[in-house]
Amino acid sequence: MIAKNLPHKTVERLSQYRRSLLLILSNEKTHVFSHEIAQMLHITPVQVRRDLMLIGYSGNLRKGYDIKELIEMIGNIIDTEKGQKVAVIGLGNLGKAFISYFKGKRTKLTMVAAFDINPDKIDRIYDGVPCYHIDRISEIMKKENINIGIITVPADQAPGIAERLVLAGAKGILNYSPKPLNVSPYVYLEEYDMITSLEKVAFFAKKNDERSK
């Protein structure tokens, strides 16, 4: 019930918390305080505590949060018991980078297929992930029980790819193309605009530059 009511930004931060906690755990620490997590993510300790209160987790005033326990709890909220499968559509540099970076990062989220139209890429294996012709999206997604698609194709192709993904049963789409998409309300859409992110950085860089003069 808790997971269904979580704000989108809280879910995003929970993923970031888990990533940070795994780094801390690798340094053989067993407990961590909210200000330590906050410092790693450049947010406030208050925000960390609010998010963890939303999932019903509280730490020890003297020792902080139990790292292993918190990682497990976040996993129970974000992940599914059986795990979920992901496909990348568009095997250019960005698509290949996704496959390479994501390999082995999560046990409950697995990259299992890639799709492209380039004959030089089709029927090849990239870091353990097979590449299929884009016309086989529906067939392979249903066969492999894939429910998440990552779109890294040119802007003019993105709407058609999104439509194919939805028809093939996708329940979540991550769009890295510069073209905003419209999908069924039953499909969760996350759109990443690199230009907007860069302009945001540029804006705050300008402010910091003005302060330093």
N, C-alpha and C. Protein backbone atom coordinates (compact mmCIF):
# COMPACT_ATOMS: atom_id res chain seq x y z
N MET A 1 0.84 -1.21 0.00
CA MET A 1 0.00 0.00 0.00
C MET A 1 0.87 1.25 0.00
N ILE A 2 1.98 1.23 0.76
CA ILE A 2 2.87 2.38 0.84
C ILE A 2 3.43 2.72 -0.53
N ALA A 3 3.92 1.69 -1.25
CA ALA A 3 4.55 1.90 -2.54
C ALA A 3 3.62 2.56 -3.54
N LYS A 4 2.31 2.24 -3.49
CA LYS A 4 1.36 2.79 -4.44
C LYS A 4 1.16 4.29 -4.24
N ASN A 5 1.35 4.77 -3.02
CA ASN A 5 1.08 6.16 -2.72
C ASN A 5 2.32 7.05 -2.73
N LEU A 6 3.47 6.51 -3.07
CA LEU A 6 4.69 7.29 -3.01
C LEU A 6 4.76 8.30 -4.16
N PRO A 7 5.15 9.55 -3.88
CA PRO A 7 5.37 10.54 -4.94
C PRO A 7 6.47 10.07 -5.89
N HIS A 8 6.39 10.48 -7.15
CA HIS A 8 7.37 10.07 -8.15
C HIS A 8 8.79 10.46 -7.75
N LYS A 9 8.95 11.66 -7.21
CA LYS A 9 10.29 12.12 -6.83
C LYS A 9 10.86 11.31 -5.67
N THR A 10 9.99 10.85 -4.79
CA THR A 10 10.45 10.02 -3.68
C THR A 10 10.97 8.68 -4.20
N VAL A 11 10.26 8.09 -5.15
CA VAL A 11 10.71 6.83 -5.75
C VAL A 11 12.07 7.03 -6.41
N GLU A 12 12.23 8.15 -7.09
CA GLU A 12 13.51 8.47 -7.74
C GLU A 12 14.62 8.56 -6.71
N ARG A 13 14.34 9.24 -5.60
CA ARG A 13 15.37 9.37 -4.57
C ARG A 13 15.65 8.04 -3.87
N LEU A 14 14.64 7.19 -3.70
CA LEU A 14 14.87 5.89 -3.08
C LEU A 14 15.89 5.09 -3.88
N SER A 15 15.78 5.16 -5.19
CA SER A 15 16.76 4.49 -6.05
C SER A 15 18.15 5.06 -5.81
N GLN A 16 18.23 6.38 -5.68
CA GLN A 16 19.51 7.03 -5.43
C GLN A 16 20.05 6.66 -4.05
N TYR A 17 19.14 6.56 -3.06
CA TYR A 17 19.57 6.15 -1.72
C TYR A 17 20.19 4.76 -1.77
N ARG A 18 19.52 3.84 -2.46
CA ARG A 18 20.03 2.47 -2.52
C ARG A 18 21.41 2.43 -3.17
N ARG A 19 21.57 3.18 -4.24
CA ARG A 19 22.88 3.22 -4.90
C ARG A 19 23.95 3.74 -3.96
N SER A 20 23.63 4.80 -3.20
CA SER A 20 24.58 5.37 -2.25
C SER A 20 24.87 4.40 -1.10
N LEU A 21 23.82 3.74 -0.63
CA LEU A 21 23.98 2.79 0.48
C LEU A 21 24.86 1.61 0.08
N LEU A 22 24.73 1.17 -1.17
CA LEU A 22 25.57 0.07 -1.64
C LEU A 22 27.04 0.49 -1.68
N LEU A 23 27.29 1.75 -2.01
CA LEU A 23 28.67 2.25 -2.00
C LEU A 23 29.21 2.31 -0.57
N ILE A 24 28.37 2.78 0.35
CA ILE A 24 28.78 2.85 1.75
C ILE A 24 29.03 1.46 2.31
N LEU A 25 28.15 0.53 1.95
CA LEU A 25 28.28 -0.85 2.43
C LEU A 25 29.59 -1.48 1.96
N SER A 26 30.03 -1.11 0.76
CA SER A 26 31.28 -1.66 0.22
C SER A 26 32.49 -1.18 1.03
N ASN A 27 32.30 -0.12 1.80
CA ASN A 27 33.37 0.38 2.67
C ASN A 27 33.30 -0.24 4.07
N GLU A 28 32.48 -1.28 4.20
CA GLU A 28 32.36 -2.08 5.42
C GLU A 28 31.72 -1.32 6.59
N LYS A 29 30.91 -0.31 6.28
CA LYS A 29 30.13 0.36 7.32
C LYS A 29 28.84 -0.41 7.51
N THR A 30 28.30 -0.40 8.70
CA THR A 30 27.05 -1.11 8.97
C THR A 30 25.88 -0.16 9.18
N HIS A 31 26.17 1.08 9.57
CA HIS A 31 25.11 2.06 9.84
C HIS A 31 25.48 3.41 9.21
N VAL A 32 24.46 4.20 8.94
CA VAL A 32 24.68 5.50 8.32
C VAL A 32 23.63 6.48 8.83
N PHE A 33 24.00 7.75 8.93
CA PHE A 33 23.08 8.79 9.36
C PHE A 33 22.50 9.52 8.15
N SER A 34 21.37 10.19 8.37
CA SER A 34 20.70 10.88 7.26
C SER A 34 21.59 11.95 6.63
N HIS A 35 22.40 12.63 7.45
CA HIS A 35 23.24 13.69 6.89
C HIS A 35 24.33 13.12 5.99
N GLU A 36 24.75 11.88 6.23
CA GLU A 36 25.76 11.26 5.36
C GLU A 36 25.17 10.91 4.00
N ILE A 37 23.93 10.39 4.00
CA ILE A 37 23.25 10.10 2.74
C ILE A 37 22.99 11.40 1.99
N ALA A 38 22.52 12.41 2.72
CA ALA A 38 22.20 13.69 2.11
C ALA A 38 23.41 14.33 1.45
N GLN A 39 24.54 14.22 2.10
CA GLN A 39 25.77 14.82 1.56
C GLN A 39 26.16 14.18 0.22
N MET A 40 25.96 12.88 0.10
CA MET A 40 26.31 12.18 -1.13
C MET A 40 25.41 12.58 -2.29
N LEU A 41 24.17 12.96 -1.98
CA LEU A 41 23.19 13.27 -3.02
C LEU A 41 22.90 14.77 -3.16
N HIS A 42 23.60 15.59 -2.36
CA HIS A 42 23.45 17.04 -2.42
C HIS A 42 22.00 17.47 -2.13
N ILE A 43 21.41 16.85 -1.13
CA ILE A 43 20.09 17.25 -0.66
C ILE A 43 20.17 17.46 0.85
N THR A 44 19.04 17.75 1.48
CA THR A 44 19.06 18.01 2.92
C THR A 44 18.78 16.73 3.71
N PRO A 45 19.33 16.64 4.92
CA PRO A 45 19.02 15.50 5.79
C PRO A 45 17.52 15.39 6.08
N VAL A 46 16.84 16.55 6.13
CA VAL A 46 15.39 16.57 6.37
C VAL A 46 14.67 15.82 5.26
N GLN A 47 15.10 16.04 4.02
CA GLN A 47 14.48 15.36 2.88
C GLN A 47 14.67 13.85 2.97
N VAL A 48 15.86 13.43 3.36
CA VAL A 48 16.14 11.99 3.52
C VAL A 48 15.21 11.40 4.56
N ARG A 49 15.12 12.05 5.71
CA ARG A 49 14.28 11.54 6.79
C ARG A 49 12.81 11.49 6.39
N ARG A 50 12.34 12.52 5.66
CA ARG A 50 10.94 12.53 5.21
C ARG A 50 10.66 11.35 4.28
N ASP A 51 11.57 11.11 3.33
CA ASP A 51 11.38 10.01 2.39
C ASP A 51 11.33 8.67 3.11
N LEU A 52 12.23 8.49 4.07
CA LEU A 52 12.28 7.20 4.77
C LEU A 52 11.08 7.03 5.71
N MET A 53 10.57 8.15 6.22
CA MET A 53 9.35 8.07 7.03
C MET A 53 8.16 7.64 6.16
N LEU A 54 8.16 8.09 4.89
CA LEU A 54 7.07 7.72 3.98
C LEU A 54 7.02 6.21 3.73
N ILE A 55 8.17 5.55 3.79
CA ILE A 55 8.18 4.10 3.58
C ILE A 55 8.14 3.34 4.91
N GLY A 56 7.96 4.10 6.00
CA GLY A 56 7.80 3.47 7.31
C GLY A 56 9.08 3.00 7.93
N TYR A 57 10.20 3.66 7.59
CA TYR A 57 11.49 3.21 8.15
C TYR A 57 12.08 4.31 9.03
N SER A 58 12.53 3.95 10.20
CA SER A 58 13.19 4.90 11.10
C SER A 58 14.47 4.28 11.62
N GLY A 59 15.44 5.13 11.86
CA GLY A 59 16.74 4.64 12.33
C GLY A 59 16.88 4.73 13.84
N ASN A 60 18.08 4.42 14.28
CA ASN A 60 18.44 4.51 15.69
C ASN A 60 19.12 5.85 15.92
N LEU A 61 18.66 6.61 16.93
CA LEU A 61 19.21 7.94 17.17
C LEU A 61 20.71 7.93 17.37
N ARG A 62 21.23 6.87 17.98
CA ARG A 62 22.66 6.81 18.29
C ARG A 62 23.47 6.20 17.17
N LYS A 63 22.89 5.24 16.44
CA LYS A 63 23.66 4.51 15.42
C LYS A 63 23.29 4.88 13.99
N GLY A 64 22.12 5.48 13.81
CA GLY A 64 21.68 5.81 12.47
C GLY A 64 20.87 4.68 11.85
N TYR A 65 20.88 4.60 10.54
CA TYR A 65 20.12 3.58 9.81
C TYR A 65 20.97 2.33 9.57
N ASP A 66 20.35 1.18 9.75
CA ASP A 66 21.01 -0.08 9.43
C ASP A 66 21.08 -0.20 7.90
N ILE A 67 22.27 -0.19 7.33
CA ILE A 67 22.43 -0.11 5.88
C ILE A 67 21.83 -1.31 5.15
N LYS A 68 22.17 -2.50 5.59
CA LYS A 68 21.65 -3.71 4.93
C LYS A 68 20.12 -3.78 5.02
N GLU A 69 19.60 -3.44 6.18
CA GLU A 69 18.16 -3.48 6.40
C GLU A 69 17.44 -2.47 5.49
N LEU A 70 18.02 -1.27 5.35
CA LEU A 70 17.42 -0.23 4.53
C LEU A 70 17.50 -0.58 3.04
N ILE A 71 18.62 -1.14 2.61
CA ILE A 71 18.75 -1.59 1.22
C ILE A 71 17.69 -2.62 0.89
N GLU A 72 17.48 -3.55 1.80
CA GLU A 72 16.49 -4.60 1.59
C GLU A 72 15.07 -4.01 1.53
N MET A 73 14.80 -3.05 2.40
CA MET A 73 13.46 -2.46 2.42
C MET A 73 13.18 -1.68 1.14
N ILE A 74 14.17 -0.92 0.68
CA ILE A 74 14.00 -0.17 -0.56
C ILE A 74 13.80 -1.14 -1.72
N GLY A 75 14.54 -2.23 -1.72
CA GLY A 75 14.39 -3.25 -2.76
C GLY A 75 12.99 -3.85 -2.77
N ASN A 76 12.44 -4.08 -1.59
CA ASN A 76 11.09 -4.65 -1.50
C ASN A 76 10.04 -3.70 -2.07
N ILE A 77 10.32 -2.40 -2.02
CA ILE A 77 9.38 -1.41 -2.52
C ILE A 77 9.54 -1.18 -4.02
N ILE A 78 10.78 -1.02 -4.47
CA ILE A 78 11.04 -0.70 -5.88
C ILE A 78 10.94 -1.93 -6.79
N ASP A 79 11.52 -3.03 -6.34
CA ASP A 79 11.62 -4.22 -7.18
C ASP A 79 10.34 -5.06 -7.12
N THR A 80 10.21 -5.97 -8.08
CA THR A 80 9.15 -6.97 -8.02
C THR A 80 9.78 -8.29 -7.62
N GLU A 81 8.97 -9.17 -7.07
CA GLU A 81 9.50 -10.45 -6.59
C GLU A 81 10.12 -11.27 -7.73
N LYS A 82 9.45 -11.29 -8.88
CA LYS A 82 9.94 -12.08 -10.01
C LYS A 82 10.97 -11.32 -10.86
N GLY A 83 11.07 -10.02 -10.65
CA GLY A 83 11.96 -9.22 -11.48
C GLY A 83 11.26 -8.75 -12.74
N GLN A 84 11.87 -7.78 -13.42
CA GLN A 84 11.31 -7.24 -14.66
C GLN A 84 12.38 -7.21 -15.74
N LYS A 85 11.91 -7.31 -16.98
CA LYS A 85 12.83 -7.36 -18.12
C LYS A 85 12.71 -6.09 -18.96
N VAL A 86 13.86 -5.69 -19.51
CA VAL A 86 13.96 -4.42 -20.23
C VAL A 86 14.52 -4.64 -21.63
N ALA A 87 14.04 -3.83 -22.58
CA ALA A 87 14.57 -3.84 -23.94
C ALA A 87 15.01 -2.43 -24.33
N VAL A 88 16.07 -2.36 -25.11
CA VAL A 88 16.55 -1.09 -25.65
C VAL A 88 16.19 -1.03 -27.13
N ILE A 89 15.56 0.06 -27.54
CA ILE A 89 15.21 0.21 -28.95
C ILE A 89 16.07 1.32 -29.52
N GLY A 90 16.99 0.94 -30.41
CA GLY A 90 17.96 1.87 -30.98
C GLY A 90 19.34 1.56 -30.43
N LEU A 91 20.16 0.90 -31.24
CA LEU A 91 21.46 0.45 -30.74
C LEU A 91 22.60 1.31 -31.28
N GLY A 92 22.43 2.62 -31.10
CA GLY A 92 23.51 3.55 -31.39
C GLY A 92 24.43 3.61 -30.18
N ASN A 93 25.21 4.68 -30.07
CA ASN A 93 26.15 4.79 -28.96
C ASN A 93 25.45 4.81 -27.60
N LEU A 94 24.30 5.52 -27.54
CA LEU A 94 23.58 5.60 -26.27
C LEU A 94 22.98 4.25 -25.89
N GLY A 95 22.36 3.58 -26.86
CA GLY A 95 21.79 2.27 -26.58
C GLY A 95 22.83 1.27 -26.11
N LYS A 96 23.99 1.27 -26.77
CA LYS A 96 25.09 0.37 -26.38
C LYS A 96 25.59 0.72 -24.98
N ALA A 97 25.66 2.01 -24.69
CA ALA A 97 26.12 2.45 -23.36
C ALA A 97 25.18 1.97 -22.27
N PHE A 98 23.86 2.01 -22.53
CA PHE A 98 22.88 1.50 -21.56
C PHE A 98 23.16 0.04 -21.25
N ILE A 99 23.32 -0.76 -22.29
CA ILE A 99 23.54 -2.20 -22.11
C ILE A 99 24.81 -2.45 -21.33
N SER A 100 25.88 -1.78 -21.72
CA SER A 100 27.18 -1.99 -21.08
C SER A 100 27.16 -1.56 -19.61
N TYR A 101 26.58 -0.39 -19.33
CA TYR A 101 26.57 0.13 -17.97
C TYR A 101 25.67 -0.68 -17.06
N PHE A 102 24.54 -1.11 -17.58
CA PHE A 102 23.52 -1.75 -16.76
C PHE A 102 23.85 -3.20 -16.41
N LYS A 103 24.76 -3.81 -17.14
CA LYS A 103 25.04 -5.23 -16.96
C LYS A 103 25.44 -5.55 -15.52
N GLY A 104 24.67 -6.42 -14.89
CA GLY A 104 24.99 -6.87 -13.54
C GLY A 104 24.69 -5.89 -12.43
N LYS A 105 24.08 -4.75 -12.75
CA LYS A 105 23.83 -3.73 -11.72
C LYS A 105 22.66 -4.09 -10.81
N ARG A 106 21.62 -4.74 -11.36
CA ARG A 106 20.44 -5.08 -10.57
C ARG A 106 19.97 -6.50 -10.89
N THR A 107 19.67 -7.27 -9.86
CA THR A 107 19.23 -8.65 -10.07
C THR A 107 17.75 -8.72 -10.44
N LYS A 108 16.98 -7.69 -10.09
CA LYS A 108 15.55 -7.72 -10.35
C LYS A 108 15.15 -6.90 -11.57
N LEU A 109 16.13 -6.39 -12.29
CA LEU A 109 15.88 -5.59 -13.48
C LEU A 109 16.93 -5.99 -14.51
N THR A 110 16.49 -6.68 -15.55
CA THR A 110 17.44 -7.30 -16.48
C THR A 110 17.24 -6.83 -17.91
N MET A 111 18.33 -6.43 -18.55
CA MET A 111 18.31 -6.06 -19.96
C MET A 111 18.41 -7.35 -20.77
N VAL A 112 17.38 -7.66 -21.56
CA VAL A 112 17.36 -8.96 -22.24
C VAL A 112 17.30 -8.86 -23.76
N ALA A 113 17.02 -7.68 -24.31
CA ALA A 113 16.90 -7.58 -25.77
C ALA A 113 17.18 -6.16 -26.24
N ALA A 114 17.67 -6.06 -27.48
CA ALA A 114 17.86 -4.78 -28.15
C ALA A 114 17.24 -4.89 -29.53
N PHE A 115 16.81 -3.75 -30.08
CA PHE A 115 16.20 -3.74 -31.40
C PHE A 115 16.80 -2.62 -32.24
N ASP A 116 16.98 -2.91 -33.53
CA ASP A 116 17.54 -1.91 -34.44
C ASP A 116 17.12 -2.27 -35.87
N ILE A 117 17.43 -1.38 -36.82
CA ILE A 117 17.14 -1.67 -38.23
C ILE A 117 18.42 -1.89 -39.03
N ASN A 118 19.56 -1.61 -38.41
CA ASN A 118 20.85 -1.77 -39.10
C ASN A 118 21.19 -3.25 -39.23
N PRO A 119 21.31 -3.78 -40.46
CA PRO A 119 21.60 -5.20 -40.65
C PRO A 119 22.94 -5.64 -40.06
N ASP A 120 23.86 -4.67 -39.87
CA ASP A 120 25.16 -5.02 -39.28
C ASP A 120 25.06 -5.27 -37.78
N LYS A 121 23.97 -4.84 -37.17
CA LYS A 121 23.79 -5.01 -35.72
C LYS A 121 22.85 -6.16 -35.37
N ILE A 122 21.96 -6.48 -36.29
CA ILE A 122 20.95 -7.52 -36.04
C ILE A 122 21.60 -8.89 -35.98
N ASP A 123 21.10 -9.71 -35.06
CA ASP A 123 21.59 -11.08 -34.83
C ASP A 123 22.99 -11.11 -34.24
N ARG A 124 23.38 -10.02 -33.61
CA ARG A 124 24.65 -9.98 -32.88
C ARG A 124 24.36 -9.86 -31.38
N ILE A 125 25.37 -10.19 -30.58
CA ILE A 125 25.24 -10.13 -29.13
C ILE A 125 26.08 -8.97 -28.60
N TYR A 126 25.49 -8.12 -27.77
CA TYR A 126 26.19 -6.99 -27.17
C TYR A 126 26.16 -7.13 -25.66
N ASP A 127 27.32 -7.45 -25.08
CA ASP A 127 27.41 -7.66 -23.62
C ASP A 127 26.33 -8.61 -23.12
N GLY A 128 26.13 -9.68 -23.88
CA GLY A 128 25.17 -10.71 -23.48
C GLY A 128 23.74 -10.45 -23.91
N VAL A 129 23.49 -9.31 -24.56
CA VAL A 129 22.13 -8.94 -24.98
C VAL A 129 22.00 -9.09 -26.49
N PRO A 130 21.09 -9.94 -26.97
CA PRO A 130 20.90 -10.12 -28.41
C PRO A 130 20.16 -8.95 -29.05
N CYS A 131 20.54 -8.64 -30.29
CA CYS A 131 19.89 -7.57 -31.03
C CYS A 131 19.01 -8.17 -32.12
N TYR A 132 17.76 -7.72 -32.18
CA TYR A 132 16.79 -8.22 -33.15
C TYR A 132 16.37 -7.08 -34.09
N HIS A 133 15.79 -7.45 -35.23
CA HIS A 133 15.22 -6.44 -36.11
C HIS A 133 14.03 -5.81 -35.41
N ILE A 134 13.86 -4.52 -35.65
CA ILE A 134 12.82 -3.76 -34.97
C ILE A 134 11.41 -4.29 -35.26
N ASP A 135 11.25 -4.96 -36.39
CA ASP A 135 9.93 -5.52 -36.72
C ASP A 135 9.53 -6.68 -35.81
N ARG A 136 10.49 -7.17 -35.01
CA ARG A 136 10.19 -8.30 -34.13
C ARG A 136 9.89 -7.88 -32.69
N ILE A 137 9.67 -6.59 -32.50
CA ILE A 137 9.41 -6.09 -31.14
C ILE A 137 8.28 -6.85 -30.46
N SER A 138 7.13 -6.94 -31.10
CA SER A 138 5.97 -7.58 -30.48
C SER A 138 6.26 -9.05 -30.17
N GLU A 139 6.84 -9.75 -31.12
CA GLU A 139 7.14 -11.18 -30.94
C GLU A 139 8.09 -11.42 -29.78
N ILE A 140 9.21 -10.68 -29.76
CA ILE A 140 10.24 -10.92 -28.73
C ILE A 140 9.78 -10.44 -27.37
N MET A 141 9.09 -9.30 -27.31
CA MET A 141 8.63 -8.80 -26.01
C MET A 141 7.65 -9.77 -25.36
N LYS A 142 6.77 -10.34 -26.15
CA LYS A 142 5.82 -11.30 -25.59
C LYS A 142 6.50 -12.61 -25.22
N LYS A 143 7.44 -13.03 -26.05
CA LYS A 143 8.16 -14.28 -25.79
C LYS A 143 9.01 -14.18 -24.52
N GLU A 144 9.69 -13.04 -24.34
CA GLU A 144 10.59 -12.85 -23.20
C GLU A 144 9.92 -12.21 -21.99
N ASN A 145 8.64 -11.86 -22.14
CA ASN A 145 7.89 -11.20 -21.06
C ASN A 145 8.55 -9.88 -20.66
N ILE A 146 8.88 -9.07 -21.67
CA ILE A 146 9.50 -7.76 -21.45
C ILE A 146 8.39 -6.73 -21.23
N ASN A 147 8.51 -5.93 -20.17
CA ASN A 147 7.46 -4.93 -19.92
C ASN A 147 7.98 -3.50 -19.82
N ILE A 148 9.30 -3.32 -20.08
CA ILE A 148 9.89 -1.97 -20.04
C ILE A 148 10.73 -1.76 -21.30
N GLY A 149 10.54 -0.60 -21.93
CA GLY A 149 11.32 -0.27 -23.12
C GLY A 149 12.05 1.04 -22.95
N ILE A 150 13.30 1.08 -23.44
CA ILE A 150 14.10 2.31 -23.44
C ILE A 150 14.26 2.76 -24.89
N ILE A 151 13.79 3.96 -25.19
CA ILE A 151 13.83 4.47 -26.56
C ILE A 151 15.03 5.38 -26.75
N THR A 152 15.92 5.00 -27.68
CA THR A 152 17.10 5.82 -27.97
C THR A 152 17.23 6.04 -29.48
N VAL A 153 16.09 6.13 -30.15
CA VAL A 153 16.08 6.31 -31.60
C VAL A 153 15.96 7.80 -31.94
N PRO A 154 16.19 8.19 -33.22
CA PRO A 154 15.98 9.59 -33.63
C PRO A 154 14.55 10.06 -33.36
N ALA A 155 14.40 11.37 -33.19
CA ALA A 155 13.12 11.95 -32.78
C ALA A 155 11.95 11.56 -33.68
N ASP A 156 12.16 11.53 -34.99
CA ASP A 156 11.04 11.25 -35.89
C ASP A 156 10.54 9.82 -35.79
N GLN A 157 11.38 8.93 -35.27
CA GLN A 157 11.00 7.53 -35.14
C GLN A 157 10.37 7.20 -33.78
N ALA A 158 10.57 8.07 -32.81
CA ALA A 158 10.16 7.78 -31.43
C ALA A 158 8.66 7.51 -31.25
N PRO A 159 7.76 8.34 -31.83
CA PRO A 159 6.32 8.07 -31.62
C PRO A 159 5.89 6.70 -32.13
N GLY A 160 6.39 6.30 -33.29
CA GLY A 160 6.05 4.99 -33.84
C GLY A 160 6.57 3.86 -32.98
N ILE A 161 7.78 4.03 -32.44
CA ILE A 161 8.36 3.01 -31.56
C ILE A 161 7.56 2.91 -30.27
N ALA A 162 7.17 4.05 -29.71
CA ALA A 162 6.37 4.05 -28.48
C ALA A 162 5.06 3.31 -28.69
N GLU A 163 4.43 3.54 -29.86
CA GLU A 163 3.17 2.87 -30.17
C GLU A 163 3.37 1.36 -30.25
N ARG A 164 4.47 0.94 -30.88
CA ARG A 164 4.76 -0.49 -30.98
C ARG A 164 4.99 -1.11 -29.60
N LEU A 165 5.69 -0.38 -28.74
CA LEU A 165 5.96 -0.89 -27.40
C LEU A 165 4.67 -1.08 -26.61
N VAL A 166 3.78 -0.10 -26.69
CA VAL A 166 2.51 -0.17 -25.98
C VAL A 166 1.68 -1.35 -26.48
N LEU A 167 1.61 -1.51 -27.79
CA LEU A 167 0.84 -2.61 -28.37
C LEU A 167 1.43 -3.97 -28.01
N ALA A 168 2.76 -3.98 -27.77
CA ALA A 168 3.43 -5.23 -27.42
C ALA A 168 3.32 -5.55 -25.93
N GLY A 169 2.72 -4.63 -25.15
CA GLY A 169 2.50 -4.91 -23.73
C GLY A 169 3.40 -4.18 -22.77
N ALA A 170 4.15 -3.19 -23.24
CA ALA A 170 5.01 -2.42 -22.34
C ALA A 170 4.18 -1.69 -21.29
N LYS A 171 4.65 -1.69 -20.05
CA LYS A 171 3.98 -0.99 -18.96
C LYS A 171 4.79 0.22 -18.50
N GLY A 172 6.01 0.34 -19.01
CA GLY A 172 6.86 1.46 -18.67
C GLY A 172 7.78 1.79 -19.83
N ILE A 173 7.96 3.09 -20.12
CA ILE A 173 8.83 3.52 -21.20
C ILE A 173 9.74 4.64 -20.71
N LEU A 174 11.03 4.51 -21.00
CA LEU A 174 12.00 5.56 -20.72
C LEU A 174 12.41 6.14 -22.07
N ASN A 175 12.07 7.40 -22.31
CA ASN A 175 12.30 8.02 -23.60
C ASN A 175 13.52 8.93 -23.58
N TYR A 176 14.54 8.55 -24.33
CA TYR A 176 15.75 9.37 -24.43
C TYR A 176 15.81 10.12 -25.75
N SER A 177 14.76 10.02 -26.55
CA SER A 177 14.73 10.79 -27.79
C SER A 177 14.27 12.22 -27.45
N PRO A 178 14.59 13.21 -28.28
CA PRO A 178 14.18 14.59 -27.99
C PRO A 178 12.72 14.88 -28.33
N LYS A 179 11.96 13.86 -28.70
CA LYS A 179 10.57 14.02 -29.09
C LYS A 179 9.64 13.65 -27.93
N PRO A 180 8.86 14.62 -27.40
CA PRO A 180 7.89 14.28 -26.34
C PRO A 180 6.86 13.28 -26.87
N LEU A 181 6.47 12.34 -26.03
CA LEU A 181 5.57 11.27 -26.46
C LEU A 181 4.24 11.32 -25.73
N ASN A 182 3.23 10.76 -26.34
CA ASN A 182 1.92 10.56 -25.71
C ASN A 182 1.63 9.07 -25.71
N VAL A 183 1.37 8.52 -24.53
CA VAL A 183 1.08 7.09 -24.44
C VAL A 183 -0.16 6.87 -23.59
N SER A 184 -0.61 5.64 -23.55
CA SER A 184 -1.76 5.26 -22.74
C SER A 184 -1.52 5.61 -21.26
N PRO A 185 -2.57 6.02 -20.55
CA PRO A 185 -2.42 6.33 -19.12
C PRO A 185 -2.02 5.11 -18.30
N TYR A 186 -2.14 3.92 -18.89
CA TYR A 186 -1.76 2.69 -18.19
C TYR A 186 -0.28 2.36 -18.38
N VAL A 187 0.43 3.22 -19.11
CA VAL A 187 1.87 3.04 -19.33
C VAL A 187 2.60 4.21 -18.67
N TYR A 188 3.56 3.90 -17.81
CA TYR A 188 4.32 4.97 -17.16
C TYR A 188 5.41 5.46 -18.10
N LEU A 189 5.42 6.76 -18.36
CA LEU A 189 6.38 7.35 -19.29
C LEU A 189 7.32 8.29 -18.54
N GLU A 190 8.61 8.05 -18.70
CA GLU A 190 9.64 8.94 -18.15
C GLU A 190 10.44 9.48 -19.33
N GLU A 191 10.50 10.80 -19.44
CA GLU A 191 11.20 11.41 -20.56
C GLU A 191 12.42 12.19 -20.06
N TYR A 192 13.56 11.91 -20.68
CA TYR A 192 14.80 12.57 -20.28
C TYR A 192 15.24 13.49 -21.41
N ASP A 193 15.26 14.78 -21.14
CA ASP A 193 15.64 15.77 -22.13
C ASP A 193 17.04 16.29 -21.80
N MET A 194 18.03 15.89 -22.59
CA MET A 194 19.42 16.28 -22.32
C MET A 194 19.62 17.78 -22.42
N ILE A 195 18.92 18.43 -23.37
CA ILE A 195 19.08 19.87 -23.55
C ILE A 195 18.57 20.61 -22.32
N THR A 196 17.39 20.20 -21.80
CA THR A 196 16.85 20.83 -20.60
C THR A 196 17.80 20.66 -19.42
N SER A 197 18.35 19.48 -19.26
CA SER A 197 19.29 19.22 -18.16
C SER A 197 20.54 20.09 -18.29
N LEU A 198 21.05 20.20 -19.52
CA LEU A 198 22.24 21.01 -19.74
C LEU A 198 21.95 22.49 -19.51
N GLU A 199 20.78 22.95 -19.97
CA GLU A 199 20.41 24.35 -19.75
C GLU A 199 20.23 24.65 -18.26
N LYS A 200 19.73 23.69 -17.51
CA LYS A 200 19.60 23.86 -16.06
C LYS A 200 20.98 24.02 -15.43
N VAL A 201 21.91 23.17 -15.83
CA VAL A 201 23.29 23.27 -15.32
C VAL A 201 23.88 24.62 -15.71
N ALA A 202 23.66 25.04 -16.97
CA ALA A 202 24.20 26.31 -17.46
C ALA A 202 23.65 27.49 -16.67
N PHE A 203 22.35 27.42 -16.34
CA PHE A 203 21.72 28.50 -15.57
C PHE A 203 22.38 28.66 -14.21
N PHE A 204 22.56 27.53 -13.48
CA PHE A 204 23.16 27.62 -12.15
C PHE A 204 24.66 27.90 -12.21
N ALA A 205 25.30 27.48 -13.31
CA ALA A 205 26.70 27.82 -13.49
C ALA A 205 26.85 29.33 -13.68
N LYS A 206 25.90 29.94 -14.42
CA LYS A 206 25.90 31.39 -14.62
C LYS A 206 25.72 32.12 -13.29
N LYS A 207 24.79 31.62 -12.46
CA LYS A 207 24.56 32.25 -11.16
C LYS A 207 25.79 32.16 -10.28
N ASN A 208 26.44 30.99 -10.28
CA ASN A 208 27.64 30.83 -9.46
C ASN A 208 28.78 31.71 -9.99
N ASP A 209 28.82 31.88 -11.31
CA ASP A 209 29.86 32.72 -11.90
C ASP A 209 29.65 34.17 -11.51
N GLU A 210 28.37 34.58 -11.46
CA GLU A 210 28.04 35.96 -11.07
C GLU A 210 28.39 36.21 -9.61
N ARG A 211 28.18 35.19 -8.78
CA ARG A 211 28.48 35.34 -7.34
C ARG A 211 29.99 35.48 -7.10
N SER A 212 30.78 34.82 -7.94
CA SER A 212 32.23 34.80 -7.71
C SER A 212 32.91 36.07 -8.20
N LYS A 213 32.17 36.97 -8.88
CA LYS A 213 32.77 38.20 -9.40
C LYS A 213 32.75 39.31 -8.35
